[in-house]
C-alpha atoms as a PDB file:
ATOM      1  CA  UNK A   1      31.177 -23.251  44.817  1.00  0.00           C
ATOM      2  CA  UNK A   2      30.928 -21.811  41.361  1.00  0.00           C
ATOM      3  CA  UNK A   3      32.695 -22.903  38.254  1.00  0.00           C
ATOM      4  CA  UNK A   4      32.349 -20.719  35.156  1.00  0.00           C
ATOM      5  CA  UNK A   5      29.502 -18.802  36.785  1.00  0.00           C
ATOM      6  CA  UNK A   6      27.525 -21.982  37.529  1.00  0.00           C
ATOM      7  CA  UNK A   7      27.101 -23.956  40.692  1.00  0.00           C
ATOM      8  CA  UNK A   8      29.420 -26.915  40.845  1.00  0.00           C
ATOM      9  CA  UNK A   9      27.495 -30.189  40.631  1.00  0.00           C
ATOM     10  CA  UNK A  10      27.881 -32.642  43.474  1.00  0.00           C
ATOM     11  CA  UNK A  11      27.080 -36.311  43.540  1.00  0.00           C
ATOM     12  CA  UNK A  12      23.622 -36.973  44.989  1.00  0.00           C
ATOM     13  CA  UNK A  13      25.082 -39.249  47.664  1.00  0.00           C
ATOM     14  CA  UNK A  14      27.003 -36.249  48.996  1.00  0.00           C
ATOM     15  CA  UNK A  15      23.686 -34.406  49.240  1.00  0.00           C
ATOM     16  CA  UNK A  16      22.157 -37.234  51.293  1.00  0.00           C
ATOM     17  CA  UNK A  17      25.285 -37.228  53.458  1.00  0.00           C
ATOM     18  CA  UNK A  18      24.837 -33.467  53.934  1.00  0.00           C
ATOM     19  CA  UNK A  19      21.309 -34.144  55.214  1.00  0.00           C
ATOM     20  CA  UNK A  20      22.546 -36.717  57.702  1.00  0.00           C
ATOM     21  CA  UNK A  21      25.387 -34.477  58.889  1.00  0.00           C
ATOM     22  CA  UNK A  22      22.977 -31.573  59.405  1.00  0.00           C
ATOM     23  CA  UNK A  23      20.754 -33.866  61.464  1.00  0.00           C
ATOM     24  CA  UNK A  24      23.765 -34.878  63.578  1.00  0.00           C
ATOM     25  CA  UNK A  25      24.626 -31.218  64.179  1.00  0.00           C
ATOM     26  CA  UNK A  26      21.068 -30.531  65.288  1.00  0.00           C
ATOM     27  CA  UNK A  27      21.324 -33.457  67.710  1.00  0.00           C
ATOM     28  CA  UNK A  28      24.546 -32.044  69.162  1.00  0.00           C
ATOM     29  CA  UNK A  29      23.081 -28.554  69.489  1.00  0.00           C
ATOM     30  CA  UNK A  30      20.042 -29.892  71.322  1.00  0.00           C
ATOM     31  CA  UNK A  31      21.792 -32.391  73.595  1.00  0.00           C
ATOM     32  CA  UNK A  32      20.390 -31.873  77.092  1.00  0.00           C
ATOM     33  CA  UNK A  33      17.798 -29.346  75.917  1.00  0.00           C
ATOM     34  CA  UNK A  34      14.142 -29.355  76.809  1.00  0.00           C
ATOM     35  CA  UNK A  35      11.497 -27.547  74.834  1.00  0.00           C
ATOM     36  CA  UNK A  36      11.690 -24.678  77.312  1.00  0.00           C
ATOM     37  CA  UNK A  37      15.470 -24.291  77.141  1.00  0.00           C
ATOM     38  CA  UNK A  38      15.326 -24.412  73.345  1.00  0.00           C
ATOM     39  CA  UNK A  39      12.588 -21.785  73.159  1.00  0.00           C
ATOM     40  CA  UNK A  40      14.662 -19.542  75.409  1.00  0.00           C
ATOM     41  CA  UNK A  41      17.876 -19.848  73.388  1.00  0.00           C
ATOM     42  CA  UNK A  42      17.777 -17.797  70.170  1.00  0.00           C
ATOM     43  CA  UNK A  43      21.366 -18.707  69.213  1.00  0.00           C
ATOM     44  CA  UNK A  44      20.610 -22.414  69.229  1.00  0.00           C
ATOM     45  CA  UNK A  45      17.342 -21.741  67.415  1.00  0.00           C
ATOM     46  CA  UNK A  46      19.277 -19.974  64.647  1.00  0.00           C
ATOM     47  CA  UNK A  47      21.767 -22.843  64.391  1.00  0.00           C
ATOM     48  CA  UNK A  48      18.974 -25.416  64.168  1.00  0.00           C
ATOM     49  CA  UNK A  49      17.043 -23.415  61.563  1.00  0.00           C
ATOM     50  CA  UNK A  50      20.231 -23.071  59.502  1.00  0.00           C
ATOM     51  CA  UNK A  51      20.701 -26.836  59.494  1.00  0.00           C
ATOM     52  CA  UNK A  52      17.063 -27.509  58.629  1.00  0.00           C
ATOM     53  CA  UNK A  53      17.628 -25.181  55.670  1.00  0.00           C
ATOM     54  CA  UNK A  54      20.660 -27.235  54.645  1.00  0.00           C
ATOM     55  CA  UNK A  55      18.548 -30.394  54.857  1.00  0.00           C
ATOM     56  CA  UNK A  56      15.910 -28.922  52.576  1.00  0.00           C
ATOM     57  CA  UNK A  57      18.398 -27.530  50.077  1.00  0.00           C
ATOM     58  CA  UNK A  58      20.240 -30.849  49.875  1.00  0.00           C
ATOM     59  CA  UNK A  59      16.940 -32.729  49.459  1.00  0.00           C
ATOM     60  CA  UNK A  60      16.032 -30.505  46.522  1.00  0.00           C
ATOM     61  CA  UNK A  61      19.171 -31.614  44.654  1.00  0.00           C
ATOM     62  CA  UNK A  62      18.567 -35.360  44.996  1.00  0.00           C
ATOM     63  CA  UNK A  63      17.577 -36.712  41.557  1.00  0.00           C
ATOM     64  CA  UNK A  64      13.999 -37.824  40.942  1.00  0.00           C
ATOM     65  CA  UNK A  65      15.043 -41.423  40.256  1.00  0.00           C
ATOM     66  CA  UNK A  66      16.612 -41.648  43.701  1.00  0.00           C
ATOM     67  CA  UNK A  67      13.579 -40.025  45.320  1.00  0.00           C
ATOM     68  CA  UNK A  68      11.239 -42.506  43.623  1.00  0.00           C
ATOM     69  CA  UNK A  69      13.280 -45.469  44.814  1.00  0.00           C
ATOM     70  CA  UNK A  70      13.423 -44.036  48.342  1.00  0.00           C
ATOM     71  CA  UNK A  71       9.911 -42.805  48.971  1.00  0.00           C
ATOM     72  CA  UNK A  72      10.290 -43.311  52.729  1.00  0.00           C
ATOM     73  CA  UNK A  73      11.943 -39.881  52.805  1.00  0.00           C
ATOM     74  CA  UNK A  74       9.558 -36.924  52.398  1.00  0.00           C
ATOM     75  CA  UNK A  75      11.889 -35.163  49.957  1.00  0.00           C
ATOM     76  CA  UNK A  76       9.353 -32.581  48.838  1.00  0.00           C
ATOM     77  CA  UNK A  77       8.293 -31.724  52.401  1.00  0.00           C
ATOM     78  CA  UNK A  78      11.930 -31.172  53.353  1.00  0.00           C
ATOM     79  CA  UNK A  79      12.367 -28.824  50.392  1.00  0.00           C
ATOM     80  CA  UNK A  80       9.173 -26.934  51.228  1.00  0.00           C
ATOM     81  CA  UNK A  81      10.185 -26.601  54.877  1.00  0.00           C
ATOM     82  CA  UNK A  82      13.472 -25.044  53.783  1.00  0.00           C
ATOM     83  CA  UNK A  83      11.632 -22.585  51.566  1.00  0.00           C
ATOM     84  CA  UNK A  84       9.271 -21.667  54.387  1.00  0.00           C
ATOM     85  CA  UNK A  85      12.130 -21.046  56.829  1.00  0.00           C
ATOM     86  CA  UNK A  86      14.115 -18.982  54.347  1.00  0.00           C
ATOM     87  CA  UNK A  87      11.274 -16.903  52.931  1.00  0.00           C
ATOM     88  CA  UNK A  88       9.116 -16.541  56.049  1.00  0.00           C
ATOM     89  CA  UNK A  89      12.051 -15.935  58.395  1.00  0.00           C
ATOM     90  CA  UNK A  90      10.108 -13.226  60.226  1.00  0.00           C
ATOM     91  CA  UNK A  91       7.312 -15.576  61.222  1.00  0.00           C
ATOM     92  CA  UNK A  92       9.074 -18.811  62.173  1.00  0.00           C
ATOM     93  CA  UNK A  93       7.225 -20.640  64.918  1.00  0.00           C
ATOM     94  CA  UNK A  94       9.809 -21.931  67.423  1.00  0.00           C
ATOM     95  CA  UNK A  95       7.359 -24.583  68.629  1.00  0.00           C
ATOM     96  CA  UNK A  96       7.067 -25.930  65.063  1.00  0.00           C
ATOM     97  CA  UNK A  97      10.860 -26.035  64.780  1.00  0.00           C
ATOM     98  CA  UNK A  98      11.115 -27.996  68.043  1.00  0.00           C
ATOM     99  CA  UNK A  99       8.448 -30.488  66.947  1.00  0.00           C
ATOM    100  CA  UNK A 100      10.116 -30.930  63.568  1.00  0.00           C
ATOM    101  CA  UNK A 101      13.564 -31.683  64.949  1.00  0.00           C
ATOM    102  CA  UNK A 102      12.428 -33.850  67.848  1.00  0.00           C
ATOM    103  CA  UNK A 103       9.600 -35.810  66.199  1.00  0.00           C
ATOM    104  CA  UNK A 104       9.820 -35.635  62.422  1.00  0.00           C
ATOM    105  CA  UNK A 105      13.524 -35.768  61.583  1.00  0.00           C
ATOM    106  CA  UNK A 106      14.803 -38.656  63.771  1.00  0.00           C
ATOM    107  CA  UNK A 107      12.658 -41.357  62.108  1.00  0.00           C
ATOM    108  CA  UNK A 108      14.152 -40.423  58.708  1.00  0.00           C
ATOM    109  CA  UNK A 109      17.628 -41.729  59.557  1.00  0.00           C
ATOM    110  CA  UNK A 110      17.053 -45.375  58.527  1.00  0.00           C
ATOM    111  CA  UNK A 111      15.473 -44.333  55.215  1.00  0.00           C
ATOM    112  CA  UNK A 112      18.370 -41.954  54.497  1.00  0.00           C
ATOM    113  CA  UNK A 113      20.878 -44.713  55.225  1.00  0.00           C
ATOM    114  CA  UNK A 114      19.003 -46.996  52.821  1.00  0.00           C
ATOM    115  CA  UNK A 115      19.000 -44.227  50.218  1.00  0.00           C
ATOM    116  CA  UNK A 116      22.792 -44.087  50.371  1.00  0.00           C
ATOM    117  CA  UNK A 117      22.859 -47.768  49.392  1.00  0.00           C
ATOM    118  CA  UNK A 118      20.741 -47.123  46.306  1.00  0.00           C
ATOM    119  CA  UNK A 119      22.597 -48.152  43.190  1.00  0.00           C
ATOM    120  CA  UNK A 120      21.432 -45.644  40.625  1.00  0.00           C
ATOM    121  CA  UNK A 121      23.577 -44.205  37.916  1.00  0.00           C
ATOM    122  CA  UNK A 122      22.209 -40.755  37.377  1.00  0.00           C
ATOM    123  CA  UNK A 123      22.756 -39.499  33.880  1.00  0.00           C
ATOM    124  CA  UNK A 124      22.616 -35.743  33.679  1.00  0.00           C
ATOM    125  CA  UNK A 125      21.111 -34.323  30.530  1.00  0.00           C
ATOM    126  CA  UNK A 126      23.158 -31.505  29.165  1.00  0.00           C
ATOM    127  CA  UNK A 127      21.679 -28.725  27.155  1.00  0.00           C
ATOM    128  CA  UNK A 128      23.103 -28.420  23.709  1.00  0.00           C
ATOM    129  CA  UNK A 129      25.149 -25.311  23.226  1.00  0.00           C
ATOM    130  CA  UNK A 130      24.230 -23.206  20.270  1.00  0.00           C
END
């Protein structure tokens, strides 16, 4: 959402919640799927890729202080994966997507839950208006 031509700022905890909700959606989309059924279902593939993109975008907006205190989450890798999926959309490897969502994302849940308990007051620096 935009306010005065700028993106509306959201609390970082909402961003982490967005990541967890996107992971839950992926789980629902893939319930009962095997690798073969996933690879043969382009609609589900698109839905999963969309939610991986949300994960990466949300990770990019988590403040550095929070990332430092929660280094069990590969924040930068999540952001880079999002960029890859968005900018290299024509060459996405479905096998890589499957491996990512079945092997790499699930172990992040405990670290994300811990991140939500982080007590950090993030002070946003505002640029001085001239």
